[in-house]
N, C-alpha and C. Protein backbone atom coordinates (compact mmCIF):
# COMPACT_ATOMS: atom_id res chain seq x y z
N UNK A 1 -6.14 -16.25 -17.62
CA UNK A 1 -5.61 -15.13 -16.89
C UNK A 1 -4.27 -14.74 -17.52
N UNK A 2 -4.10 -13.47 -17.73
CA UNK A 2 -2.84 -12.97 -18.27
C UNK A 2 -1.75 -13.08 -17.20
N UNK A 3 -0.55 -13.31 -17.65
CA UNK A 3 0.57 -13.42 -16.72
C UNK A 3 1.61 -12.37 -17.05
N UNK A 4 2.46 -12.11 -16.09
CA UNK A 4 3.56 -11.15 -16.25
C UNK A 4 4.85 -11.90 -15.98
N UNK A 5 5.78 -11.81 -16.90
CA UNK A 5 7.08 -12.47 -16.69
C UNK A 5 8.01 -11.50 -15.98
N UNK A 6 8.68 -12.01 -14.95
CA UNK A 6 9.67 -11.25 -14.19
C UNK A 6 10.85 -12.16 -13.92
N UNK A 7 12.00 -11.57 -13.77
CA UNK A 7 13.18 -12.32 -13.37
C UNK A 7 13.34 -12.18 -11.86
N UNK A 8 13.56 -13.28 -11.17
CA UNK A 8 13.74 -13.24 -9.72
C UNK A 8 15.04 -13.95 -9.35
N UNK A 9 15.59 -13.56 -8.23
CA UNK A 9 16.77 -14.21 -7.69
C UNK A 9 16.34 -14.92 -6.41
N UNK A 10 16.70 -16.18 -6.30
CA UNK A 10 16.29 -16.98 -5.15
C UNK A 10 17.55 -17.44 -4.42
N UNK A 11 17.58 -17.22 -3.12
CA UNK A 11 18.70 -17.69 -2.32
C UNK A 11 18.78 -19.21 -2.42
N UNK A 12 19.96 -19.76 -2.66
CA UNK A 12 20.08 -21.21 -2.78
C UNK A 12 19.61 -21.96 -1.53
N UNK A 13 19.79 -21.34 -0.36
CA UNK A 13 19.35 -21.99 0.88
C UNK A 13 17.83 -22.13 0.90
N UNK A 14 17.14 -21.13 0.41
CA UNK A 14 15.67 -21.17 0.36
C UNK A 14 15.23 -22.23 -0.65
N UNK A 15 15.84 -22.22 -1.80
CA UNK A 15 15.49 -23.19 -2.83
C UNK A 15 15.71 -24.62 -2.34
N UNK A 16 16.79 -24.84 -1.62
CA UNK A 16 17.10 -26.18 -1.12
C UNK A 16 16.07 -26.67 -0.11
N UNK A 17 15.41 -25.75 0.59
CA UNK A 17 14.42 -26.14 1.60
C UNK A 17 13.06 -26.46 1.00
N UNK A 18 12.84 -26.10 -0.26
CA UNK A 18 11.56 -26.39 -0.90
C UNK A 18 11.43 -27.87 -1.21
N UNK A 19 10.20 -28.34 -1.19
CA UNK A 19 9.95 -29.73 -1.56
C UNK A 19 10.26 -29.91 -3.05
N UNK A 20 10.53 -31.13 -3.47
CA UNK A 20 10.77 -31.38 -4.90
C UNK A 20 9.59 -30.92 -5.77
N UNK A 21 8.38 -31.08 -5.26
CA UNK A 21 7.20 -30.65 -6.02
C UNK A 21 7.21 -29.15 -6.24
N UNK A 22 7.56 -28.40 -5.22
CA UNK A 22 7.60 -26.94 -5.37
C UNK A 22 8.74 -26.52 -6.29
N UNK A 23 9.89 -27.18 -6.16
CA UNK A 23 11.02 -26.84 -7.03
C UNK A 23 10.69 -27.16 -8.49
N UNK A 24 9.86 -28.17 -8.71
CA UNK A 24 9.50 -28.55 -10.08
C UNK A 24 8.63 -27.49 -10.75
N UNK A 25 7.89 -26.72 -9.96
CA UNK A 25 7.02 -25.68 -10.51
C UNK A 25 7.22 -24.40 -9.69
N UNK A 26 8.35 -23.75 -9.93
CA UNK A 26 8.67 -22.54 -9.17
C UNK A 26 7.66 -21.42 -9.41
N UNK A 27 7.12 -21.34 -10.62
CA UNK A 27 6.13 -20.29 -10.88
C UNK A 27 4.94 -20.42 -9.95
N UNK A 28 4.45 -21.64 -9.76
CA UNK A 28 3.32 -21.85 -8.86
C UNK A 28 3.71 -21.53 -7.43
N UNK A 29 4.92 -21.93 -7.02
CA UNK A 29 5.37 -21.65 -5.66
C UNK A 29 5.49 -20.15 -5.42
N UNK A 30 6.04 -19.43 -6.39
CA UNK A 30 6.17 -17.97 -6.27
C UNK A 30 4.79 -17.33 -6.21
N UNK A 31 3.87 -17.79 -7.06
CA UNK A 31 2.51 -17.24 -7.03
C UNK A 31 1.83 -17.49 -5.69
N UNK A 32 1.99 -18.69 -5.14
CA UNK A 32 1.42 -18.99 -3.82
C UNK A 32 1.97 -18.04 -2.77
N UNK A 33 3.29 -17.85 -2.78
CA UNK A 33 3.92 -16.97 -1.80
C UNK A 33 3.45 -15.53 -1.99
N UNK A 34 3.35 -15.07 -3.23
CA UNK A 34 2.90 -13.70 -3.48
C UNK A 34 1.44 -13.50 -3.10
N UNK A 35 0.60 -14.53 -3.28
CA UNK A 35 -0.80 -14.42 -2.83
C UNK A 35 -0.86 -14.23 -1.32
N UNK A 36 -0.03 -14.98 -0.62
CA UNK A 36 0.02 -14.85 0.84
C UNK A 36 0.48 -13.45 1.24
N UNK A 37 1.53 -12.95 0.60
CA UNK A 37 2.02 -11.61 0.90
C UNK A 37 0.98 -10.55 0.55
N UNK A 38 0.27 -10.74 -0.56
CA UNK A 38 -0.78 -9.79 -0.94
C UNK A 38 -1.89 -9.77 0.10
N UNK A 39 -2.24 -10.94 0.64
CA UNK A 39 -3.26 -11.01 1.70
C UNK A 39 -2.78 -10.28 2.95
N UNK A 40 -1.50 -10.47 3.31
CA UNK A 40 -0.95 -9.74 4.45
C UNK A 40 -1.00 -8.24 4.21
N UNK A 41 -0.62 -7.81 3.00
CA UNK A 41 -0.65 -6.38 2.68
C UNK A 41 -2.06 -5.82 2.75
N UNK A 42 -3.04 -6.58 2.26
CA UNK A 42 -4.44 -6.14 2.32
C UNK A 42 -4.89 -6.00 3.77
N UNK A 43 -4.51 -6.96 4.61
CA UNK A 43 -4.86 -6.88 6.03
C UNK A 43 -4.20 -5.67 6.68
N UNK A 44 -2.95 -5.41 6.33
CA UNK A 44 -2.26 -4.26 6.91
C UNK A 44 -2.93 -2.96 6.50
N UNK A 45 -3.39 -2.89 5.24
CA UNK A 45 -4.10 -1.69 4.79
C UNK A 45 -5.38 -1.47 5.60
N UNK A 46 -6.10 -2.56 5.89
CA UNK A 46 -7.31 -2.45 6.71
C UNK A 46 -6.98 -1.94 8.11
N UNK A 47 -5.92 -2.48 8.69
CA UNK A 47 -5.49 -2.02 10.02
C UNK A 47 -5.11 -0.55 9.97
N UNK A 48 -4.33 -0.17 8.97
CA UNK A 48 -3.90 1.22 8.83
C UNK A 48 -5.10 2.16 8.68
N UNK A 49 -6.08 1.75 7.86
CA UNK A 49 -7.28 2.58 7.66
C UNK A 49 -8.06 2.72 8.96
N UNK A 50 -8.24 1.61 9.68
CA UNK A 50 -8.99 1.65 10.93
C UNK A 50 -8.28 2.56 11.92
N UNK A 51 -6.97 2.40 12.05
CA UNK A 51 -6.22 3.22 13.01
C UNK A 51 -6.26 4.69 12.63
N UNK A 52 -6.24 4.99 11.32
CA UNK A 52 -6.34 6.38 10.88
C UNK A 52 -7.71 6.96 11.22
N UNK A 53 -8.76 6.17 11.01
CA UNK A 53 -10.12 6.63 11.33
C UNK A 53 -10.31 6.82 12.83
N UNK A 54 -9.76 5.92 13.63
CA UNK A 54 -9.92 5.98 15.09
C UNK A 54 -8.95 6.96 15.74
N UNK A 55 -7.87 7.28 15.04
CA UNK A 55 -6.87 8.18 15.60
C UNK A 55 -6.02 7.51 16.67
N UNK A 56 -6.01 6.19 16.67
CA UNK A 56 -5.21 5.45 17.66
C UNK A 56 -4.94 4.05 17.13
N UNK A 57 -3.90 3.42 17.66
CA UNK A 57 -3.64 2.04 17.25
C UNK A 57 -4.58 1.08 17.97
N UNK A 58 -4.67 -0.13 17.45
CA UNK A 58 -5.40 -1.18 18.14
C UNK A 58 -4.76 -1.42 19.50
N UNK A 59 -5.57 -1.75 20.48
CA UNK A 59 -5.04 -2.13 21.79
C UNK A 59 -4.71 -3.63 21.76
N UNK A 60 -3.86 -4.09 22.67
CA UNK A 60 -3.59 -5.53 22.72
C UNK A 60 -4.87 -6.35 22.93
N UNK A 61 -5.80 -5.82 23.70
CA UNK A 61 -7.06 -6.54 23.94
C UNK A 61 -7.88 -6.66 22.65
N UNK A 62 -7.88 -5.61 21.84
CA UNK A 62 -8.61 -5.65 20.57
C UNK A 62 -7.96 -6.61 19.58
N UNK A 63 -6.64 -6.69 19.62
CA UNK A 63 -5.91 -7.55 18.68
C UNK A 63 -5.91 -9.02 19.09
N UNK A 64 -6.06 -9.30 20.37
CA UNK A 64 -5.90 -10.67 20.88
C UNK A 64 -6.71 -11.71 20.11
N UNK A 65 -8.02 -11.51 19.86
CA UNK A 65 -8.76 -12.56 19.15
C UNK A 65 -8.24 -12.82 17.74
N UNK A 66 -7.77 -11.77 17.08
CA UNK A 66 -7.26 -11.93 15.72
C UNK A 66 -5.91 -12.65 15.72
N UNK A 67 -5.08 -12.32 16.69
CA UNK A 67 -3.79 -13.00 16.81
C UNK A 67 -4.01 -14.47 17.13
N UNK A 68 -4.94 -14.76 18.04
CA UNK A 68 -5.24 -16.15 18.38
C UNK A 68 -5.75 -16.91 17.16
N UNK A 69 -6.60 -16.29 16.37
CA UNK A 69 -7.12 -16.94 15.16
C UNK A 69 -6.00 -17.19 14.16
N UNK A 70 -5.09 -16.23 14.02
CA UNK A 70 -3.97 -16.40 13.10
C UNK A 70 -3.05 -17.52 13.55
N UNK A 71 -2.81 -17.61 14.85
CA UNK A 71 -1.96 -18.68 15.38
C UNK A 71 -2.62 -20.04 15.15
N UNK A 72 -3.93 -20.13 15.39
CA UNK A 72 -4.64 -21.38 15.15
C UNK A 72 -4.57 -21.78 13.68
N UNK A 73 -4.78 -20.80 12.80
CA UNK A 73 -4.74 -21.08 11.36
C UNK A 73 -3.35 -21.56 10.95
N UNK A 74 -2.31 -20.92 11.49
CA UNK A 74 -0.95 -21.34 11.16
C UNK A 74 -0.67 -22.74 11.68
N UNK A 75 -1.14 -23.05 12.87
CA UNK A 75 -0.95 -24.39 13.43
C UNK A 75 -1.67 -25.43 12.58
N UNK A 76 -2.89 -25.12 12.15
CA UNK A 76 -3.64 -26.06 11.31
C UNK A 76 -2.93 -26.28 9.97
N UNK A 77 -2.43 -25.20 9.39
CA UNK A 77 -1.70 -25.31 8.12
C UNK A 77 -0.43 -26.14 8.31
N UNK A 78 0.28 -25.91 9.40
CA UNK A 78 1.50 -26.67 9.67
C UNK A 78 1.19 -28.15 9.81
N UNK A 79 0.12 -28.47 10.51
CA UNK A 79 -0.27 -29.88 10.67
C UNK A 79 -0.65 -30.50 9.33
N UNK A 80 -1.36 -29.76 8.50
CA UNK A 80 -1.75 -30.26 7.20
C UNK A 80 -0.51 -30.55 6.34
N UNK A 81 0.43 -29.63 6.33
CA UNK A 81 1.66 -29.81 5.56
C UNK A 81 2.45 -30.99 6.10
N UNK A 82 2.52 -31.11 7.42
CA UNK A 82 3.25 -32.23 8.03
C UNK A 82 2.60 -33.56 7.67
N UNK A 83 1.28 -33.62 7.70
CA UNK A 83 0.57 -34.85 7.34
C UNK A 83 0.82 -35.22 5.88
N UNK A 84 0.82 -34.22 5.00
CA UNK A 84 1.11 -34.48 3.59
C UNK A 84 2.52 -35.02 3.43
N UNK A 85 3.47 -34.47 4.19
CA UNK A 85 4.86 -34.94 4.11
C UNK A 85 4.97 -36.38 4.58
N UNK A 86 4.26 -36.73 5.64
CA UNK A 86 4.27 -38.11 6.14
C UNK A 86 3.71 -39.05 5.08
N UNK A 87 2.61 -38.66 4.45
CA UNK A 87 2.01 -39.50 3.40
C UNK A 87 2.97 -39.67 2.23
N UNK A 88 3.65 -38.59 1.84
CA UNK A 88 4.63 -38.70 0.76
C UNK A 88 5.77 -39.63 1.16
N UNK A 89 6.25 -39.48 2.39
CA UNK A 89 7.35 -40.30 2.89
C UNK A 89 6.97 -41.78 2.88
N UNK A 90 5.72 -42.06 3.22
CA UNK A 90 5.24 -43.45 3.25
C UNK A 90 4.83 -43.96 1.87
N UNK A 91 4.88 -43.07 0.89
CA UNK A 91 4.50 -43.46 -0.47
C UNK A 91 3.01 -43.56 -0.66
N UNK A 92 2.25 -42.87 0.19
CA UNK A 92 0.78 -42.94 0.13
C UNK A 92 0.18 -41.88 -0.78
N UNK A 93 0.99 -40.94 -1.20
CA UNK A 93 0.42 -39.87 -2.04
C UNK A 93 1.30 -39.62 -3.24
């Protein structure tokens, strides 16, 4: 895959909060973050298209199942990251 080189500025506070593994490979960390943002942007485009076609915004009732799924996914991801951190702390990984 072809890559594009860009210069970025990172707040020192943000950098300090990254794990040593992420700091060791900032390109991978930036790509992971940009993939997540690209997914959010794609989802927003779908919402915008739907709302334009319907001529109205989503109602809270229509959004509720998607918000619940997003919250569950975030909770699962948080637990996975926490478990990995515990394993690293214990020297298991």
